[in-house]
Amino acid sequence: MLIYKILLPAEWAEFETVGRFDGSPFDHSSGFIHCSSREQVGATALRFFAQEPALVVAALDARLLGAAVRWEDAPDGGSFPHVYAALPLDAVVGVHQVAGASSVDDALPQG
C-alpha cells in the first residue's frame, strides 16, 4: 500500500541529500509525520499547502515502514496514516513534482 507525504521543495532536497526525512515543524509539534492515503492527499494539499507555488509529493511503500505507520483518527474526521519514525529514502517509490496544491490530484496516478 502506498501512502503520501507532501513536502516543500527544500524539504525534498534535504530528504534526498540526507537519505531520510525527520519531519516538518508541524510534524514535530504533532509527535509524528503526517501522511495521507491516495484518496486524502489532494484535499490535504489544498488544506495545508494552498499558498505554496510548488510541492513535492513522495509516494511511500507503507510495508517498508512497518509498525511505524499507524492509522489514526483525525479530530475533523477520517483515519490518516501517521508515521512514528523518520522516513527512509529507500521507502520512497515515487516522486511527483507538482505546481501547487490544486494540481496534486491530477499529478498522481489513481490508486
PDB file of N, CA and C in Angstrom:
ATOM      1  N   MET A   1       0.833  -1.186   0.000  1.00  0.00           N
ATOM      2  CA  MET A   1       0.000   0.000   0.000  1.00  0.00           C
ATOM      3  C   MET A   1       0.876   1.248   0.000  1.00  0.00           C
ATOM      4  N   LEU A   2       0.460   2.236  -0.780  1.00  0.00           N
ATOM      5  CA  LEU A   2       1.183   3.496  -0.822  1.00  0.00           C
ATOM      6  C   LEU A   2       0.521   4.524   0.085  1.00  0.00           C
ATOM      7  N   ILE A   3       1.355   5.304   0.754  1.00  0.00           N
ATOM      8  CA  ILE A   3       0.911   6.488   1.472  1.00  0.00           C
ATOM      9  C   ILE A   3       1.740   7.646   0.926  1.00  0.00           C
ATOM     10  N   TYR A   4       1.276   8.859   1.158  1.00  0.00           N
ATOM     11  CA  TYR A   4       1.883  10.020   0.533  1.00  0.00           C
ATOM     12  C   TYR A   4       2.271  11.073   1.552  1.00  0.00           C
ATOM     13  N   LYS A   5       3.465  11.644   1.359  1.00  0.00           N
ATOM     14  CA  LYS A   5       3.941  12.751   2.180  1.00  0.00           C
ATOM     15  C   LYS A   5       4.106  13.961   1.276  1.00  0.00           C
ATOM     16  N   ILE A   6       3.458  15.053   1.639  1.00  0.00           N
ATOM     17  CA  ILE A   6       3.575  16.303   0.897  1.00  0.00           C
ATOM     18  C   ILE A   6       4.735  17.088   1.494  1.00  0.00           C
ATOM     19  N   LEU A   7       5.634  17.497   0.618  1.00  0.00           N
ATOM     20  CA  LEU A   7       6.843  18.200   1.054  1.00  0.00           C
ATOM     21  C   LEU A   7       7.015  19.505   0.281  1.00  0.00           C
ATOM     22  N   LEU A   8       7.658  20.456   0.914  1.00  0.00           N
ATOM     23  CA  LEU A   8       8.114  21.635   0.197  1.00  0.00           C
ATOM     24  C   LEU A   8       9.367  21.243  -0.588  1.00  0.00           C
ATOM     25  N   PRO A   9       9.653  21.898  -1.699  1.00  0.00           N
ATOM     26  CA  PRO A   9      10.837  21.526  -2.476  1.00  0.00           C
ATOM     27  C   PRO A   9      12.129  21.496  -1.659  1.00  0.00           C
ATOM     28  N   ALA A  10      12.324  22.427  -0.745  1.00  0.00           N
ATOM     29  CA  ALA A  10      13.532  22.436   0.087  1.00  0.00           C
ATOM     30  C   ALA A  10      13.573  21.224   1.023  1.00  0.00           C
ATOM     31  N   GLU A  11      12.410  20.805   1.520  1.00  0.00           N
ATOM     32  CA  GLU A  11      12.358  19.609   2.368  1.00  0.00           C
ATOM     33  C   GLU A  11      12.734  18.372   1.558  1.00  0.00           C
ATOM     34  N   TRP A  12      12.236  18.289   0.318  1.00  0.00           N
ATOM     35  CA  TRP A  12      12.578  17.148  -0.528  1.00  0.00           C
ATOM     36  C   TRP A  12      14.068  17.137  -0.840  1.00  0.00           C
ATOM     37  N   ALA A  13      14.647  18.297  -1.128  1.00  0.00           N
ATOM     38  CA  ALA A  13      16.083  18.373  -1.429  1.00  0.00           C
ATOM     39  C   ALA A  13      16.904  17.867  -0.244  1.00  0.00           C
ATOM     40  N   GLU A  14      16.500  18.245   0.965  1.00  0.00           N
ATOM     41  CA  GLU A  14      17.209  17.769   2.155  1.00  0.00           C
ATOM     42  C   GLU A  14      16.993  16.270   2.351  1.00  0.00           C
ATOM     43  N   PHE A  15      15.780  15.792   2.133  1.00  0.00           N
ATOM     44  CA  PHE A  15      15.448  14.368   2.231  1.00  0.00           C
ATOM     45  C   PHE A  15      16.385  13.568   1.320  1.00  0.00           C
ATOM     46  N   GLU A  16      16.529  14.013   0.073  1.00  0.00           N
ATOM     47  CA  GLU A  16      17.400  13.325  -0.882  1.00  0.00           C
ATOM     48  C   GLU A  16      18.862  13.348  -0.436  1.00  0.00           C
ATOM     49  N   THR A  17      19.307  14.486   0.059  1.00  0.00           N
ATOM     50  CA  THR A  17      20.704  14.643   0.464  1.00  0.00           C
ATOM     51  C   THR A  17      21.035  13.806   1.688  1.00  0.00           C
ATOM     52  N   VAL A  18      20.173  13.876   2.692  1.00  0.00           N
ATOM     53  CA  VAL A  18      20.424  13.197   3.972  1.00  0.00           C
ATOM     54  C   VAL A  18      20.052  11.714   3.912  1.00  0.00           C
ATOM     55  N   GLY A  19      19.077  11.368   3.067  1.00  0.00           N
ATOM     56  CA  GLY A  19      18.646   9.982   2.953  1.00  0.00           C
ATOM     57  C   GLY A  19      17.516   9.613   3.888  1.00  0.00           C
ATOM     58  N   ARG A  20      16.971  10.615   4.571  1.00  0.00           N
ATOM     59  CA  ARG A  20      15.827  10.393   5.460  1.00  0.00           C
ATOM     60  C   ARG A  20      15.151  11.719   5.728  1.00  0.00           C
ATOM     61  N   PHE A  21      13.892  11.646   6.153  1.00  0.00           N
ATOM     62  CA  PHE A  21      13.138  12.844   6.498  1.00  0.00           C
ATOM     63  C   PHE A  21      12.639  12.680   7.923  1.00  0.00           C
ATOM     64  N   ASP A  22      13.050  13.613   8.777  1.00  0.00           N
ATOM     65  CA  ASP A  22      12.681  13.552  10.192  1.00  0.00           C
ATOM     66  C   ASP A  22      11.414  14.320  10.519  1.00  0.00           C
ATOM     67  N   GLY A  23      10.825  14.962   9.530  1.00  0.00           N
ATOM     68  CA  GLY A  23       9.571  15.665   9.745  1.00  0.00           C
ATOM     69  C   GLY A  23       9.701  17.168   9.622  1.00  0.00           C
ATOM     70  N   SER A  24       8.579  17.782   9.303  1.00  0.00           N
ATOM     71  CA  SER A  24       8.475  19.245   9.219  1.00  0.00           C
ATOM     72  C   SER A  24       8.262  19.793  10.630  1.00  0.00           C
ATOM     73  N   PRO A  25       8.318  21.112  10.791  1.00  0.00           N
ATOM     74  CA  PRO A  25       7.989  21.672  12.110  1.00  0.00           C
ATOM     75  C   PRO A  25       6.599  21.251  12.596  1.00  0.00           C
ATOM     76  N   PHE A  26       5.619  21.188  11.683  1.00  0.00           N
ATOM     77  CA  PHE A  26       4.266  20.749  12.063  1.00  0.00           C
ATOM     78  C   PHE A  26       4.286  19.288  12.521  1.00  0.00           C
ATOM     79  N   ASP A  27       5.034  18.444  11.805  1.00  0.00           N
ATOM     80  CA  ASP A  27       5.156  17.046  12.216  1.00  0.00           C
ATOM     81  C   ASP A  27       5.767  16.957  13.617  1.00  0.00           C
ATOM     82  N   HIS A  28       6.816  17.724  13.856  1.00  0.00           N
ATOM     83  CA  HIS A  28       7.478  17.691  15.162  1.00  0.00           C
ATOM     84  C   HIS A  28       6.515  18.090  16.279  1.00  0.00           C
ATOM     85  N   SER A  29       5.687  19.109  16.003  1.00  0.00           N
ATOM     86  CA  SER A  29       4.751  19.561  17.040  1.00  0.00           C
ATOM     87  C   SER A  29       3.671  18.514  17.311  1.00  0.00           C
ATOM     88  N   SER A  30       3.410  17.654  16.335  1.00  0.00           N
ATOM     89  CA  SER A  30       2.399  16.607  16.488  1.00  0.00           C
ATOM     90  C   SER A  30       2.956  15.326  17.092  1.00  0.00           C
ATOM     91  N   GLY A  31       4.269  15.124  16.970  1.00  0.00           N
ATOM     92  CA  GLY A  31       4.882  13.911  17.500  1.00  0.00           C
ATOM     93  C   GLY A  31       4.928  12.763  16.505  1.00  0.00           C
ATOM     94  N   PHE A  32       4.580  13.033  15.249  1.00  0.00           N
ATOM     95  CA  PHE A  32       4.626  12.011  14.201  1.00  0.00           C
ATOM     96  C   PHE A  32       4.670  12.719  12.852  1.00  0.00           C
ATOM     97  N   ILE A  33       4.976  11.971  11.805  1.00  0.00           N
ATOM     98  CA  ILE A  33       4.995  12.523  10.453  1.00  0.00           C
ATOM     99  C   ILE A  33       3.630  12.285   9.816  1.00  0.00           C
ATOM    100  N   HIS A  34       3.001  13.392   9.416  1.00  0.00           N
ATOM    101  CA  HIS A  34       1.678  13.342   8.787  1.00  0.00           C
ATOM    102  C   HIS A  34       1.799  12.825   7.359  1.00  0.00           C
ATOM    103  N   CYS A  35       0.999  11.850   7.017  1.00  0.00           N
ATOM    104  CA  CYS A  35       0.909  11.342   5.656  1.00  0.00           C
ATOM    105  C   CYS A  35      -0.569  11.230   5.287  1.00  0.00           C
ATOM    106  N   SER A  36      -0.815  10.886   4.039  1.00  0.00           N
ATOM    107  CA  SER A  36      -2.190  10.751   3.548  1.00  0.00           C
ATOM    108  C   SER A  36      -2.298   9.524   2.662  1.00  0.00           C
ATOM    109  N   SER A  37      -3.506   9.010   2.548  1.00  0.00           N
ATOM    110  CA  SER A  37      -3.785   7.969   1.563  1.00  0.00           C
ATOM    111  C   SER A  37      -3.939   8.657   0.205  1.00  0.00           C
ATOM    112  N   ARG A  38      -4.048   7.886  -0.863  1.00  0.00           N
ATOM    113  CA  ARG A  38      -4.252   8.460  -2.197  1.00  0.00           C
ATOM    114  C   ARG A  38      -5.543   9.265  -2.232  1.00  0.00           C
ATOM    115  N   GLU A  39      -6.563   8.769  -1.580  1.00  0.00           N
ATOM    116  CA  GLU A  39      -7.853   9.449  -1.578  1.00  0.00           C
ATOM    117  C   GLU A  39      -7.818  10.756  -0.795  1.00  0.00           C
ATOM    118  N   GLN A  40      -6.909  10.893   0.150  1.00  0.00           N
ATOM    119  CA  GLN A  40      -6.850  12.060   1.030  1.00  0.00           C
ATOM    120  C   GLN A  40      -5.861  13.131   0.580  1.00  0.00           C
ATOM    121  N   VAL A  41      -4.869  12.769  -0.209  1.00  0.00           N
ATOM    122  CA  VAL A  41      -3.726  13.652  -0.439  1.00  0.00           C
ATOM    123  C   VAL A  41      -4.099  14.966  -1.133  1.00  0.00           C
ATOM    124  N   GLY A  42      -5.027  14.942  -2.066  1.00  0.00           N
ATOM    125  CA  GLY A  42      -5.415  16.174  -2.744  1.00  0.00           C
ATOM    126  C   GLY A  42      -6.050  17.177  -1.792  1.00  0.00           C
ATOM    127  N   ALA A  43      -6.977  16.715  -0.972  1.00  0.00           N
ATOM    128  CA  ALA A  43      -7.634  17.597  -0.001  1.00  0.00           C
ATOM    129  C   ALA A  43      -6.640  18.080   1.055  1.00  0.00           C
ATOM    130  N   THR A  44      -5.730  17.216   1.455  1.00  0.00           N
ATOM    131  CA  THR A  44      -4.704  17.617   2.426  1.00  0.00           C
ATOM    132  C   THR A  44      -3.839  18.725   1.847  1.00  0.00           C
ATOM    133  N   ALA A  45      -3.445  18.583   0.584  1.00  0.00           N
ATOM    134  CA  ALA A  45      -2.635  19.620  -0.070  1.00  0.00           C
ATOM    135  C   ALA A  45      -3.368  20.951  -0.082  1.00  0.00           C
ATOM    136  N   LEU A  46      -4.644  20.932  -0.456  1.00  0.00           N
ATOM    137  CA  LEU A  46      -5.418  22.167  -0.500  1.00  0.00           C
ATOM    138  C   LEU A  46      -5.587  22.796   0.875  1.00  0.00           C
ATOM    139  N   ARG A  47      -5.759  21.959   1.876  1.00  0.00           N
ATOM    140  CA  ARG A  47      -5.997  22.474   3.224  1.00  0.00           C
ATOM    141  C   ARG A  47      -4.749  23.091   3.857  1.00  0.00           C
ATOM    142  N   PHE A  48      -3.596  22.447   3.667  1.00  0.00           N
ATOM    143  CA  PHE A  48      -2.393  22.880   4.381  1.00  0.00           C
ATOM    144  C   PHE A  48      -1.337  23.555   3.506  1.00  0.00           C
ATOM    145  N   PHE A  49      -1.432  23.422   2.191  1.00  0.00           N
ATOM    146  CA  PHE A  49      -0.383  23.931   1.314  1.00  0.00           C
ATOM    147  C   PHE A  49      -0.928  24.806   0.188  1.00  0.00           C
ATOM    148  N   ALA A  50      -2.112  25.371   0.357  1.00  0.00           N
ATOM    149  CA  ALA A  50      -2.763  26.128  -0.713  1.00  0.00           C
ATOM    150  C   ALA A  50      -1.935  27.315  -1.200  1.00  0.00           C
ATOM    151  N   GLN A  51      -1.134  27.899  -0.343  1.00  0.00           N
ATOM    152  CA  GLN A  51      -0.359  29.093  -0.713  1.00  0.00           C
ATOM    153  C   GLN A  51       1.005  28.773  -1.320  1.00  0.00           C
ATOM    154  N   GLU A  52       1.364  27.494  -1.373  1.00  0.00           N
ATOM    155  CA  GLU A  52       2.684  27.115  -1.883  1.00  0.00           C
ATOM    156  C   GLU A  52       2.660  26.988  -3.410  1.00  0.00           C
ATOM    157  N   PRO A  53       3.614  27.618  -4.104  1.00  0.00           N
ATOM    158  CA  PRO A  53       3.623  27.560  -5.567  1.00  0.00           C
ATOM    159  C   PRO A  53       4.120  26.232  -6.135  1.00  0.00           C
ATOM    160  N   ALA A  54       4.843  25.478  -5.341  1.00  0.00           N
ATOM    161  CA  ALA A  54       5.379  24.188  -5.807  1.00  0.00           C
ATOM    162  C   ALA A  54       5.446  23.227  -4.634  1.00  0.00           C
ATOM    163  N   LEU A  55       5.124  21.977  -4.917  1.00  0.00           N
ATOM    164  CA  LEU A  55       5.158  20.925  -3.901  1.00  0.00           C
ATOM    165  C   LEU A  55       5.826  19.688  -4.481  1.00  0.00           C
ATOM    166  N   VAL A  56       6.293  18.841  -3.591  1.00  0.00           N
ATOM    167  CA  VAL A  56       6.778  17.521  -3.972  1.00  0.00           C
ATOM    168  C   VAL A  56       5.952  16.520  -3.168  1.00  0.00           C
ATOM    169  N   VAL A  57       5.364  15.563  -3.870  1.00  0.00           N
ATOM    170  CA  VAL A  57       4.590  14.524  -3.193  1.00  0.00           C
ATOM    171  C   VAL A  57       5.364  13.223  -3.330  1.00  0.00           C
ATOM    172  N   ALA A  58       5.799  12.702  -2.200  1.00  0.00           N
ATOM    173  CA  ALA A  58       6.556  11.444  -2.175  1.00  0.00           C
ATOM    174  C   ALA A  58       5.591  10.302  -1.897  1.00  0.00           C
ATOM    175  N   ALA A  59       5.606   9.299  -2.770  1.00  0.00           N
ATOM    176  CA  ALA A  59       4.829   8.080  -2.559  1.00  0.00           C
ATOM    177  C   ALA A  59       5.703   7.109  -1.785  1.00  0.00           C
ATOM    178  N   LEU A  60       5.196   6.623  -0.674  1.00  0.00           N
ATOM    179  CA  LEU A  60       5.945   5.750   0.224  1.00  0.00           C
ATOM    180  C   LEU A  60       5.305   4.372   0.286  1.00  0.00           C
ATOM    181  N   ASP A  61       6.130   3.343   0.273  1.00  0.00           N
ATOM    182  CA  ASP A  61       5.643   1.982   0.443  1.00  0.00           C
ATOM    183  C   ASP A  61       5.454   1.749   1.941  1.00  0.00           C
ATOM    184  N   ALA A  62       4.198   1.743   2.382  1.00  0.00           N
ATOM    185  CA  ALA A  62       3.900   1.620   3.812  1.00  0.00           C
ATOM    186  C   ALA A  62       4.425   0.319   4.401  1.00  0.00           C
ATOM    187  N   ARG A  63       4.527  -0.729   3.585  1.00  0.00           N
ATOM    188  CA  ARG A  63       5.041  -2.012   4.100  1.00  0.00           C
ATOM    189  C   ARG A  63       6.488  -1.880   4.569  1.00  0.00           C
ATOM    190  N   LEU A  64       7.255  -1.030   3.894  1.00  0.00           N
ATOM    191  CA  LEU A  64       8.654  -0.838   4.276  1.00  0.00           C
ATOM    192  C   LEU A  64       8.800  -0.048   5.573  1.00  0.00           C
ATOM    193  N   LEU A  65       7.753   0.650   5.949  1.00  0.00           N
ATOM    194  CA  LEU A  65       7.775   1.419   7.190  1.00  0.00           C
ATOM    195  C   LEU A  65       7.291   0.595   8.380  1.00  0.00           C
ATOM    196  N   GLY A  66       6.657  -0.527   8.099  1.00  0.00           N
ATOM    197  CA  GLY A  66       6.248  -1.471   9.134  1.00  0.00           C
ATOM    198  C   GLY A  66       5.359  -0.881  10.201  1.00  0.00           C
ATOM    199  N   ALA A  67       5.661  -1.227  11.437  1.00  0.00           N
ATOM    200  CA  ALA A  67       4.838  -0.835  12.581  1.00  0.00           C
ATOM    201  C   ALA A  67       4.920   0.655  12.897  1.00  0.00           C
ATOM    202  N   ALA A  68       5.827   1.381  12.247  1.00  0.00           N
ATOM    203  CA  ALA A  68       5.912   2.827  12.473  1.00  0.00           C
ATOM    204  C   ALA A  68       4.680   3.554  11.931  1.00  0.00           C
ATOM    205  N   VAL A  69       3.939   2.904  11.011  1.00  0.00           N
ATOM    206  CA  VAL A  69       2.727   3.508  10.444  1.00  0.00           C
ATOM    207  C   VAL A  69       1.528   3.103  11.300  1.00  0.00           C
ATOM    208  N   ARG A  70       0.813   4.115  11.745  1.00  0.00           N
ATOM    209  CA  ARG A  70      -0.423   3.876  12.495  1.00  0.00           C
ATOM    210  C   ARG A  70      -1.535   4.691  11.859  1.00  0.00           C
ATOM    211  N   TRP A  71      -2.636   4.028  11.563  1.00  0.00           N
ATOM    212  CA  TRP A  71      -3.810   4.730  11.035  1.00  0.00           C
ATOM    213  C   TRP A  71      -4.595   5.249  12.230  1.00  0.00           C
ATOM    214  N   GLU A  72      -4.707   6.577  12.308  1.00  0.00           N
ATOM    215  CA  GLU A  72      -5.346   7.197  13.466  1.00  0.00           C
ATOM    216  C   GLU A  72      -6.385   8.213  13.002  1.00  0.00           C
ATOM    217  N   ASP A  73      -7.417   8.347  13.817  1.00  0.00           N
ATOM    218  CA  ASP A  73      -8.479   9.291  13.504  1.00  0.00           C
ATOM    219  C   ASP A  73      -7.999  10.718  13.703  1.00  0.00           C
ATOM    220  N   ALA A  74      -8.335  11.572  12.756  1.00  0.00           N
ATOM    221  CA  ALA A  74      -8.040  12.995  12.862  1.00  0.00           C
ATOM    222  C   ALA A  74      -9.197  13.675  13.584  1.00  0.00           C
ATOM    223  N   PRO A  75      -8.938  14.783  14.278  1.00  0.00           N
ATOM    224  CA  PRO A  75     -10.001  15.467  15.012  1.00  0.00           C
ATOM    225  C   PRO A  75     -11.186  15.872  14.135  1.00  0.00           C
ATOM    226  N   ASP A  76     -10.913  16.198  12.868  1.00  0.00           N
ATOM    227  CA  ASP A  76     -12.001  16.640  11.994  1.00  0.00           C
ATOM    228  C   ASP A  76     -12.542  15.517  11.118  1.00  0.00           C
ATOM    229  N   GLY A  77     -12.213  14.286  11.459  1.00  0.00           N
ATOM    230  CA  GLY A  77     -12.776  13.138  10.751  1.00  0.00           C
ATOM    231  C   GLY A  77     -11.780  12.455   9.836  1.00  0.00           C
ATOM    232  N   GLY A  78     -11.978  11.184   9.656  1.00  0.00           N
ATOM    233  CA  GLY A  78     -11.114  10.401   8.779  1.00  0.00           C
ATOM    234  C   GLY A  78      -9.957   9.773   9.520  1.00  0.00           C
ATOM    235  N   SER A  79      -9.483   8.682   8.989  1.00  0.00           N
ATOM    236  CA  SER A  79      -8.342   7.969   9.550  1.00  0.00           C
ATOM    237  C   SER A  79      -7.147   8.197   8.627  1.00  0.00           C
ATOM    238  N   PHE A  80      -6.072   8.728   9.177  1.00  0.00           N
ATOM    239  CA  PHE A  80      -4.895   9.085   8.402  1.00  0.00           C
ATOM    240  C   PHE A  80      -3.686   8.259   8.823  1.00  0.00           C
ATOM    241  N   PRO A  81      -2.761   7.997   7.880  1.00  0.00           N
ATOM    242  CA  PRO A  81      -1.528   7.300   8.241  1.00  0.00           C
ATOM    243  C   PRO A  81      -0.533   8.267   8.883  1.00  0.00           C
ATOM    244  N   HIS A  82      -0.176   7.976  10.106  1.00  0.00           N
ATOM    245  CA  HIS A  82       0.825   8.743  10.837  1.00  0.00           C
ATOM    246  C   HIS A  82       2.049   7.857  11.002  1.00  0.00           C
ATOM    247  N   VAL A  83       3.229   8.422  10.785  1.00  0.00           N
ATOM    248  CA  VAL A  83       4.463   7.646  10.851  1.00  0.00           C
ATOM    249  C   VAL A  83       5.261   8.095  12.070  1.00  0.00           C
ATOM    250  N   TYR A  84       5.537   7.147  12.955  1.00  0.00           N
ATOM    251  CA  TYR A  84       6.248   7.413  14.199  1.00  0.00           C
ATOM    252  C   TYR A  84       7.717   7.017  14.079  1.00  0.00           C
ATOM    253  N   ALA A  85       8.363   7.495  13.031  1.00  0.00           N
ATOM    254  CA  ALA A  85       9.790   7.261  12.789  1.00  0.00           C
ATOM    255  C   ALA A  85      10.187   8.159  11.626  1.00  0.00           C
ATOM    256  N   ALA A  86      11.480   8.320  11.440  1.00  0.00           N
ATOM    257  CA  ALA A  86      11.951   9.050  10.269  1.00  0.00           C
ATOM    258  C   ALA A  86      11.591   8.264   9.010  1.00  0.00           C
ATOM    259  N   LEU A  87      11.355   8.974   7.927  1.00  0.00           N
ATOM    260  CA  LEU A  87      11.076   8.322   6.648  1.00  0.00           C
ATOM    261  C   LEU A  87      12.402   8.037   5.950  1.00  0.00           C
ATOM    262  N   PRO A  88      12.708   6.779   5.669  1.00  0.00           N
ATOM    263  CA  PRO A  88      13.943   6.474   4.945  1.00  0.00           C
ATOM    264  C   PRO A  88      13.749   6.673   3.444  1.00  0.00           C
ATOM    265  N   LEU A  89      14.778   7.145   2.781  1.00  0.00           N
ATOM    266  CA  LEU A  89      14.688   7.389   1.345  1.00  0.00           C
ATOM    267  C   LEU A  89      14.352   6.116   0.578  1.00  0.00           C
ATOM    268  N   ASP A  90      14.788   4.965   1.075  1.00  0.00           N
ATOM    269  CA  ASP A  90      14.502   3.730   0.338  1.00  0.00           C
ATOM    270  C   ASP A  90      13.037   3.303   0.407  1.00  0.00           C
ATOM    271  N   ALA A  91      12.209   3.979   1.216  1.00  0.00           N
ATOM    272  CA  ALA A  91      10.766   3.705   1.235  1.00  0.00           C
ATOM    273  C   ALA A  91      10.033   4.511   0.163  1.00  0.00           C
ATOM    274  N   VAL A  92      10.724   5.472  -0.454  1.00  0.00           N
ATOM    275  CA  VAL A  92      10.113   6.305  -1.489  1.00  0.00           C
ATOM    276  C   VAL A  92      10.098   5.526  -2.803  1.00  0.00           C
ATOM    277  N   VAL A  93       8.908   5.322  -3.341  1.00  0.00           N
ATOM    278  CA  VAL A  93       8.770   4.565  -4.586  1.00  0.00           C
ATOM    279  C   VAL A  93       8.291   5.438  -5.744  1.00  0.00           C
ATOM    280  N   GLY A  94       8.018   6.695  -5.463  1.00  0.00           N
ATOM    281  CA  GLY A  94       7.618   7.629  -6.500  1.00  0.00           C
ATOM    282  C   GLY A  94       7.751   9.051  -5.998  1.00  0.00           C
ATOM    283  N   VAL A  95       8.129   9.948  -6.901  1.00  0.00           N
ATOM    284  CA  VAL A  95       8.279  11.362  -6.552  1.00  0.00           C
ATOM    285  C   VAL A  95       7.535  12.171  -7.607  1.00  0.00           C
ATOM    286  N   HIS A  96       6.664  13.041  -7.152  1.00  0.00           N
ATOM    287  CA  HIS A  96       5.840  13.839  -8.054  1.00  0.00           C
ATOM    288  C   HIS A  96       6.074  15.325  -7.770  1.00  0.00           C
ATOM    289  N   GLN A  97       6.672  16.021  -8.730  1.00  0.00           N
ATOM    290  CA  GLN A  97       6.857  17.468  -8.645  1.00  0.00           C
ATOM    291  C   GLN A  97       5.527  18.089  -9.086  1.00  0.00           C
ATOM    292  N   VAL A  98       4.942  18.928  -8.262  1.00  0.00           N
ATOM    293  CA  VAL A  98       3.597  19.433  -8.527  1.00  0.00           C
ATOM    294  C   VAL A  98       3.590  20.960  -8.461  1.00  0.00           C
ATOM    295  N   ALA A  99       2.908  21.565  -9.414  1.00  0.00           N
ATOM    296  CA  ALA A  99       2.785  23.021  -9.471  1.00  0.00           C
ATOM    297  C   ALA A  99       1.602  23.477  -8.620  1.00  0.00           C
ATOM    298  N   GLY A 100       1.756  23.393  -7.315  1.00  0.00           N
ATOM    299  CA  GLY A 100       0.727  23.878  -6.409  1.00  0.00           C
ATOM    300  C   GLY A 100      -0.277  22.831  -5.971  1.00  0.00           C
ATOM    301  N   ALA A 101      -0.950  23.141  -4.876  1.00  0.00           N
ATOM    302  CA  ALA A 101      -1.858  22.197  -4.226  1.00  0.00           C
ATOM    303  C   ALA A 101      -3.023  21.769  -5.115  1.00  0.00           C
ATOM    304  N   SER A 102      -3.520  22.663  -5.932  1.00  0.00           N
ATOM    305  CA  SER A 102      -4.678  22.315  -6.756  1.00  0.00           C
ATOM    306  C   SER A 102      -4.333  21.302  -7.852  1.00  0.00           C
ATOM    307  N   SER A 103      -3.044  21.064  -8.094  1.00  0.00           N
ATOM    308  CA  SER A 103      -2.613  20.123  -9.128  1.00  0.00           C
ATOM    309  C   SER A 103      -2.293  18.732  -8.593  1.00  0.00           C
ATOM    310  N   VAL A 104      -2.341  18.543  -7.290  1.00  0.00           N
ATOM    311  CA  VAL A 104      -1.907  17.272  -6.702  1.00  0.00           C
ATOM    312  C   VAL A 104      -2.722  16.097  -7.222  1.00  0.00           C
ATOM    313  N   ASP A 105      -4.023  16.168  -7.165  1.00  0.00           N
ATOM    314  CA  ASP A 105      -4.839  15.018  -7.592  1.00  0.00           C
ATOM    315  C   ASP A 105      -4.589  14.639  -9.048  1.00  0.00           C
ATOM    316  N   ASP A 106      -4.421  15.631  -9.906  1.00  0.00           N
ATOM    317  CA  ASP A 106      -4.192  15.345 -11.322  1.00  0.00           C
ATOM    318  C   ASP A 106      -2.786  14.802 -11.581  1.00  0.00           C
ATOM    319  N   ALA A 107      -1.816  15.138 -10.744  1.00  0.00           N
ATOM    320  CA  ALA A 107      -0.436  14.734 -10.960  1.00  0.00           C
ATOM    321  C   ALA A 107      -0.143  13.297 -10.518  1.00  0.00           C
ATOM    322  N   LEU A 108      -0.965  12.774  -9.627  1.00  0.00           N
ATOM    323  CA  LEU A 108      -0.711  11.441  -9.087  1.00  0.00           C
ATOM    324  C   LEU A 108      -1.516  10.385  -9.833  1.00  0.00           C
ATOM    325  N   PRO A 109      -0.943   9.188  -9.982  1.00  0.00           N
ATOM    326  CA  PRO A 109      -1.729   8.104 -10.573  1.00  0.00           C
ATOM    327  C   PRO A 109      -2.923   7.783  -9.682  1.00  0.00           C
ATOM    328  N   GLN A 110      -3.999   7.376 -10.285  1.00  0.00           N
ATOM    329  CA  GLN A 110      -5.168   6.966  -9.489  1.00  0.00           C
ATOM    330  C   GLN A 110      -4.844   5.675  -8.770  1.00  0.00           C
ATOM    331  N   GLY A 111      -5.280   5.588  -7.521  1.00  0.00           N
ATOM    332  CA  GLY A 111      -4.938   4.436  -6.702  1.00  0.00           C
ATOM    333  C   GLY A 111      -5.895   3.347  -6.796  1.00  0.00           C
TER     334      GLY A 111
END
